[in-house]
Amino acid sequence: MDIINLEKIISETTDPATYQYFKGLKERRIIFNADVDEYIVENAMIPLMEMDNDGTGEPITIILNTYGGSLWDACRSATLLII
């Protein structure tokens, strides 16, 4: 299965927000539209670290829209950025 077929499958089987999230990852754009919680690591930090370490040096866009959330989870995520 190539990435083109995967994008078609995702667009047909998921809700619009999930589709936009995965489409954004392909375009080096991370969309985080939720409260800060334990899922920030999976939804924002891991993709950010992978994009940063891919060696292309291309810009990464982060779209952040949140009312806040867990200070503990935010601090844990900041620690991941420093490492």
Protein backbone atom coordinates (compact mmCIF):
# COMPACT_ATOMS: atom_id res chain seq x y z
CA MET A 1 0.00 0.00 0.00
CA ASP A 2 1.52 3.31 -1.01
CA ILE A 3 0.95 6.68 0.62
CA ILE A 4 -1.49 7.82 -2.08
CA ASN A 5 -3.82 4.89 -1.42
CA LEU A 6 -3.45 5.41 2.33
CA GLU A 7 -4.51 9.05 1.99
CA LYS A 8 -7.55 7.97 -0.05
CA ILE A 9 -8.53 5.39 2.57
CA ILE A 10 -8.13 7.90 5.42
CA SER A 11 -10.19 10.52 3.57
CA GLU A 12 -13.02 8.05 3.00
CA THR A 13 -13.11 6.42 6.44
CA THR A 14 -12.38 9.11 9.02
CA ASP A 15 -13.96 12.31 10.21
CA PRO A 16 -12.81 15.59 8.60
CA ALA A 17 -10.66 16.65 11.58
CA THR A 18 -8.70 13.39 11.57
CA TYR A 19 -8.24 13.60 7.81
CA GLN A 20 -6.92 17.17 8.09
CA TYR A 21 -4.54 16.11 10.88
CA PHE A 22 -2.98 13.33 8.77
CA LYS A 23 -2.94 15.48 5.64
CA GLY A 24 -1.16 18.17 7.65
CA LEU A 25 1.50 15.72 8.81
CA LYS A 26 2.27 14.95 5.18
CA GLU A 27 2.70 18.70 4.57
CA ARG A 28 4.90 19.15 7.71
CA ARG A 29 2.05 20.82 9.59
CA ILE A 30 1.02 19.74 13.08
CA ILE A 31 -2.48 20.71 14.18
CA PHE A 32 -3.15 20.51 17.91
CA ASN A 33 -6.73 21.48 18.67
CA ALA A 34 -7.36 20.06 22.13
CA ASP A 35 -6.61 20.50 25.79
CA VAL A 36 -3.07 19.68 26.87
CA ASP A 37 -3.12 16.15 28.26
CA GLU A 38 -1.20 12.89 27.94
CA TYR A 39 -2.13 12.69 24.24
CA ILE A 40 -0.05 15.75 23.35
CA VAL A 41 2.95 13.45 23.19
CA GLU A 42 1.37 11.23 20.51
CA ASN A 43 -0.44 13.97 18.62
CA ALA A 44 2.17 16.71 18.61
CA MET A 45 5.53 15.82 20.12
CA ILE A 46 6.29 12.54 18.31
CA PRO A 47 5.43 13.93 14.85
CA LEU A 48 7.42 17.09 15.65
CA MET A 49 10.48 15.09 16.68
CA GLU A 50 10.24 12.87 13.59
CA MET A 51 9.95 15.87 11.27
CA ASP A 52 12.84 17.62 13.00
CA ASN A 53 15.07 14.56 12.73
CA ASP A 54 14.30 13.66 9.11
CA GLY A 55 17.29 15.66 7.85
CA THR A 56 15.43 17.80 5.31
CA GLY A 57 15.71 21.06 7.24
CA GLU A 58 12.34 22.13 5.84
CA PRO A 59 10.13 24.36 8.01
CA ILE A 60 7.52 22.80 10.29
CA THR A 61 4.25 24.62 10.95
CA ILE A 62 2.49 24.12 14.28
CA ILE A 63 -1.12 25.24 14.64
CA LEU A 64 -2.03 25.37 18.32
CA ASN A 65 -5.55 26.00 19.58
CA THR A 66 -6.08 25.09 23.21
CA TYR A 67 -7.69 26.41 26.38
CA GLY A 68 -4.92 24.85 28.44
CA GLY A 69 -5.00 21.62 30.33
CA SER A 70 -2.57 19.66 32.43
CA LEU A 71 0.56 21.47 33.60
CA TRP A 72 2.19 18.10 34.33
CA ASP A 73 1.71 16.89 30.75
CA ALA A 74 2.92 20.21 29.33
CA CYS A 75 6.09 20.04 31.43
CA ARG A 76 6.70 16.45 30.37
CA SER A 77 6.36 17.54 26.73
CA ALA A 78 8.75 20.43 27.25
CA THR A 79 11.27 17.96 28.63
CA LEU A 80 10.98 15.97 25.39
CA LEU A 81 11.81 19.13 23.40
CA ILE A 82 14.93 19.79 25.45
CA ILE A 83 16.27 16.25 25.16
